[in-house]
Amino acid sequence: MKKTCSIFVVGVLVVASSFIGCSNKPSKEQLQQLNNLKAEVSSLEKEVSAREAEKAALLRSISEKQEQIAQCTEDTQALQSRIQK
């Protein structure tokens, strides 16, 4: 019984001592870090959006070039068939 009570008291003291150093409000440094991180996240999200737009433009350009290559291939084949006749 004494052992159980002493373990309980020690447990309560450990839990109570862990709350002594904790505050419920962030410090000015923590708020500044949070604001800096938010700004960095915003900047990175804008960069991602710009890169995605650039990727879309490049994919369109690739598609156009592939269409031009296909048209050139058709024209070449048509010319080859006319030459052979």
N, C-alpha and C. Protein backbone atom coordinates (compact mmCIF):
# COMPACT_ATOMS: atom_id res chain seq x y z
N MET A 1 0.82 -1.19 0.00
CA MET A 1 0.00 0.00 0.00
C MET A 1 0.86 1.26 0.00
N LYS A 2 1.89 1.28 0.85
CA LYS A 2 2.79 2.44 0.90
C LYS A 2 3.53 2.59 -0.43
N LYS A 3 3.90 1.45 -1.01
CA LYS A 3 4.63 1.49 -2.28
C LYS A 3 3.75 2.09 -3.37
N THR A 4 2.49 1.72 -3.43
CA THR A 4 1.56 2.23 -4.42
C THR A 4 1.35 3.74 -4.23
N CYS A 5 1.21 4.16 -2.99
CA CYS A 5 1.03 5.59 -2.70
C CYS A 5 2.27 6.38 -3.08
N SER A 6 3.43 5.84 -2.78
CA SER A 6 4.65 6.57 -3.09
C SER A 6 4.85 6.66 -4.61
N ILE A 7 4.50 5.61 -5.34
CA ILE A 7 4.59 5.64 -6.80
C ILE A 7 3.61 6.68 -7.36
N PHE A 8 2.42 6.72 -6.80
CA PHE A 8 1.42 7.69 -7.22
C PHE A 8 1.90 9.12 -6.98
N VAL A 9 2.46 9.37 -5.79
CA VAL A 9 2.95 10.70 -5.43
C VAL A 9 4.10 11.10 -6.36
N VAL A 10 5.00 10.18 -6.63
CA VAL A 10 6.11 10.48 -7.53
C VAL A 10 5.56 10.80 -8.92
N GLY A 11 4.58 10.03 -9.38
CA GLY A 11 3.97 10.28 -10.69
C GLY A 11 3.33 11.64 -10.75
N VAL A 12 2.61 12.02 -9.72
CA VAL A 12 1.96 13.33 -9.67
C VAL A 12 3.02 14.44 -9.69
N LEU A 13 4.11 14.26 -8.96
CA LEU A 13 5.18 15.26 -8.93
C LEU A 13 5.84 15.40 -10.30
N VAL A 14 6.03 14.29 -10.98
CA VAL A 14 6.64 14.34 -12.31
C VAL A 14 5.73 15.09 -13.27
N VAL A 15 4.44 14.77 -13.25
CA VAL A 15 3.49 15.44 -14.14
C VAL A 15 3.39 16.92 -13.78
N ALA A 16 3.33 17.25 -12.51
CA ALA A 16 3.21 18.64 -12.08
C ALA A 16 4.46 19.43 -12.47
N SER A 17 5.62 18.82 -12.34
CA SER A 17 6.85 19.54 -12.67
C SER A 17 6.97 19.78 -14.18
N SER A 18 6.37 18.91 -14.97
CA SER A 18 6.42 19.11 -16.42
C SER A 18 5.57 20.30 -16.85
N PHE A 19 4.55 20.64 -16.07
CA PHE A 19 3.70 21.77 -16.40
C PHE A 19 4.27 23.11 -15.94
N ILE A 20 5.22 23.09 -15.05
CA ILE A 20 5.77 24.32 -14.51
C ILE A 20 6.47 25.13 -15.60
N GLY A 21 7.22 24.47 -16.46
CA GLY A 21 7.96 25.16 -17.50
C GLY A 21 7.13 25.50 -18.72
N CYS A 22 5.93 25.02 -18.82
CA CYS A 22 5.10 25.25 -19.99
C CYS A 22 4.27 26.52 -19.83
N SER A 23 4.19 27.28 -20.90
CA SER A 23 3.30 28.43 -20.89
C SER A 23 2.28 28.22 -22.00
N ASN A 24 1.16 28.87 -21.90
CA ASN A 24 0.12 28.67 -22.90
C ASN A 24 0.22 29.67 -24.05
N LYS A 25 1.15 30.62 -23.97
CA LYS A 25 1.31 31.60 -25.04
C LYS A 25 2.69 31.44 -25.68
N PRO A 26 2.73 31.56 -26.99
CA PRO A 26 4.04 31.49 -27.66
C PRO A 26 4.85 32.76 -27.40
N SER A 27 6.15 32.62 -27.39
CA SER A 27 7.02 33.77 -27.17
C SER A 27 7.10 34.60 -28.46
N LYS A 28 7.69 35.79 -28.35
CA LYS A 28 7.85 36.65 -29.52
C LYS A 28 8.73 35.97 -30.57
N GLU A 29 9.76 35.26 -30.10
CA GLU A 29 10.65 34.55 -31.03
C GLU A 29 9.88 33.46 -31.78
N GLN A 30 9.05 32.74 -31.06
CA GLN A 30 8.26 31.67 -31.69
C GLN A 30 7.28 32.26 -32.71
N LEU A 31 6.66 33.38 -32.37
CA LEU A 31 5.74 34.03 -33.30
C LEU A 31 6.49 34.52 -34.54
N GLN A 32 7.69 35.06 -34.35
CA GLN A 32 8.50 35.52 -35.48
C GLN A 32 8.89 34.34 -36.37
N GLN A 33 9.28 33.22 -35.75
CA GLN A 33 9.61 32.02 -36.52
C GLN A 33 8.40 31.53 -37.30
N LEU A 34 7.25 31.56 -36.67
CA LEU A 34 6.02 31.13 -37.34
C LEU A 34 5.71 32.04 -38.53
N ASN A 35 5.84 33.33 -38.34
CA ASN A 35 5.59 34.27 -39.44
C ASN A 35 6.58 34.08 -40.57
N ASN A 36 7.85 33.85 -40.21
CA ASN A 36 8.87 33.58 -41.23
C ASN A 36 8.54 32.32 -42.01
N LEU A 37 8.12 31.29 -41.31
CA LEU A 37 7.77 30.03 -41.98
C LEU A 37 6.55 30.20 -42.88
N LYS A 38 5.58 30.98 -42.42
CA LYS A 38 4.39 31.23 -43.25
C LYS A 38 4.78 31.97 -44.52
N ALA A 39 5.67 32.95 -44.39
CA ALA A 39 6.12 33.70 -45.56
C ALA A 39 6.88 32.79 -46.52
N GLU A 40 7.70 31.92 -45.96
CA GLU A 40 8.46 30.99 -46.81
C GLU A 40 7.53 30.02 -47.53
N VAL A 41 6.52 29.52 -46.83
CA VAL A 41 5.55 28.61 -47.45
C VAL A 41 4.82 29.32 -48.58
N SER A 42 4.41 30.56 -48.33
CA SER A 42 3.72 31.34 -49.36
C SER A 42 4.61 31.53 -50.59
N SER A 43 5.86 31.87 -50.34
CA SER A 43 6.81 32.05 -51.44
C SER A 43 7.00 30.76 -52.22
N LEU A 44 7.15 29.67 -51.52
CA LEU A 44 7.34 28.38 -52.19
C LEU A 44 6.10 27.95 -52.97
N GLU A 45 4.92 28.25 -52.44
CA GLU A 45 3.69 27.92 -53.16
C GLU A 45 3.59 28.72 -54.46
N LYS A 46 4.00 30.00 -54.41
CA LYS A 46 4.00 30.82 -55.62
C LYS A 46 5.00 30.27 -56.63
N GLU A 47 6.14 29.84 -56.14
CA GLU A 47 7.16 29.27 -57.03
C GLU A 47 6.65 27.98 -57.68
N VAL A 48 5.97 27.17 -56.90
CA VAL A 48 5.40 25.93 -57.45
C VAL A 48 4.39 26.25 -58.53
N SER A 49 3.54 27.23 -58.29
CA SER A 49 2.54 27.62 -59.28
C SER A 49 3.22 28.11 -60.56
N ALA A 50 4.27 28.90 -60.41
CA ALA A 50 4.99 29.40 -61.58
C ALA A 50 5.62 28.25 -62.35
N ARG A 51 6.20 27.30 -61.63
CA ARG A 51 6.83 26.14 -62.28
C ARG A 51 5.80 25.27 -62.99
N GLU A 52 4.62 25.14 -62.38
CA GLU A 52 3.57 24.34 -63.02
C GLU A 52 3.08 25.02 -64.30
N ALA A 53 2.97 26.34 -64.27
CA ALA A 53 2.57 27.08 -65.48
C ALA A 53 3.64 26.93 -66.56
N GLU A 54 4.90 27.01 -66.15
CA GLU A 54 6.00 26.84 -67.09
C GLU A 54 5.99 25.42 -67.69
N LYS A 55 5.71 24.45 -66.85
CA LYS A 55 5.64 23.06 -67.31
C LYS A 55 4.52 22.90 -68.34
N ALA A 56 3.36 23.49 -68.05
CA ALA A 56 2.23 23.40 -68.98
C ALA A 56 2.58 24.04 -70.32
N ALA A 57 3.26 25.19 -70.28
CA ALA A 57 3.66 25.87 -71.51
C ALA A 57 4.65 25.00 -72.30
N LEU A 58 5.58 24.38 -71.60
CA LEU A 58 6.55 23.51 -72.27
C LEU A 58 5.88 22.28 -72.87
N LEU A 59 4.92 21.73 -72.16
CA LEU A 59 4.19 20.57 -72.70
C LEU A 59 3.40 20.95 -73.95
N ARG A 60 2.80 22.14 -73.96
CA ARG A 60 2.10 22.61 -75.15
C ARG A 60 3.08 22.77 -76.31
N SER A 61 4.23 23.34 -76.02
CA SER A 61 5.25 23.53 -77.04
C SER A 61 5.72 22.19 -77.61
N ILE A 62 5.91 21.22 -76.74
CA ILE A 62 6.32 19.88 -77.19
C ILE A 62 5.26 19.28 -78.09
N SER A 63 4.01 19.44 -77.69
CA SER A 63 2.91 18.91 -78.49
C SER A 63 2.88 19.55 -79.87
N GLU A 64 3.06 20.87 -79.92
CA GLU A 64 3.08 21.58 -81.21
C GLU A 64 4.24 21.09 -82.07
N LYS A 65 5.40 20.92 -81.47
CA LYS A 65 6.56 20.44 -82.22
C LYS A 65 6.34 19.03 -82.75
N GLN A 66 5.70 18.19 -81.93
CA GLN A 66 5.41 16.83 -82.38
C GLN A 66 4.43 16.83 -83.56
N GLU A 67 3.46 17.73 -83.51
CA GLU A 67 2.52 17.86 -84.63
C GLU A 67 3.26 18.31 -85.89
N GLN A 68 4.18 19.27 -85.73
CA GLN A 68 4.97 19.73 -86.88
C GLN A 68 5.83 18.60 -87.45
N ILE A 69 6.42 17.81 -86.57
CA ILE A 69 7.24 16.68 -87.03
C ILE A 69 6.37 15.67 -87.78
N ALA A 70 5.18 15.40 -87.25
CA ALA A 70 4.28 14.47 -87.92
C ALA A 70 3.88 15.00 -89.30
N GLN A 71 3.60 16.30 -89.39
CA GLN A 71 3.25 16.90 -90.68
C GLN A 71 4.42 16.83 -91.65
N CYS A 72 5.62 17.10 -91.17
CA CYS A 72 6.81 17.01 -92.02
C CYS A 72 7.03 15.59 -92.51
N THR A 73 6.79 14.63 -91.64
CA THR A 73 6.94 13.22 -92.02
C THR A 73 5.93 12.86 -93.11
N GLU A 74 4.70 13.31 -92.96
CA GLU A 74 3.68 13.05 -93.98
C GLU A 74 4.06 13.70 -95.31
N ASP A 75 4.52 14.95 -95.24
CA ASP A 75 4.93 15.66 -96.46
C ASP A 75 6.10 14.94 -97.14
N THR A 76 7.04 14.48 -96.33
CA THR A 76 8.20 13.77 -96.88
C THR A 76 7.76 12.48 -97.56
N GLN A 77 6.87 11.76 -96.93
CA GLN A 77 6.37 10.51 -97.52
C GLN A 77 5.60 10.79 -98.81
N ALA A 78 4.83 11.86 -98.82
CA ALA A 78 4.07 12.21 -100.03
C ALA A 78 5.04 12.57 -101.17
N LEU A 79 6.08 13.32 -100.86
CA LEU A 79 7.07 13.68 -101.87
C LEU A 79 7.81 12.43 -102.38
N GLN A 80 8.13 11.54 -101.45
CA GLN A 80 8.84 10.31 -101.85
C GLN A 80 7.97 9.48 -102.80
N SER A 81 6.69 9.41 -102.52
CA SER A 81 5.81 8.63 -103.37
C SER A 81 5.65 9.30 -104.74
N ARG A 82 5.64 10.63 -104.80
CA ARG A 82 5.55 11.33 -106.08
C ARG A 82 6.83 11.15 -106.89
N ILE A 83 7.96 11.15 -106.20
CA ILE A 83 9.24 10.98 -106.90
C ILE A 83 9.34 9.59 -107.51
N GLN A 84 8.85 8.60 -106.80
CA GLN A 84 8.96 7.22 -107.28
C GLN A 84 8.03 6.93 -108.45
N LYS A 85 7.03 7.72 -108.66
CA LYS A 85 6.08 7.48 -109.76
C LYS A 85 6.63 7.87 -111.05
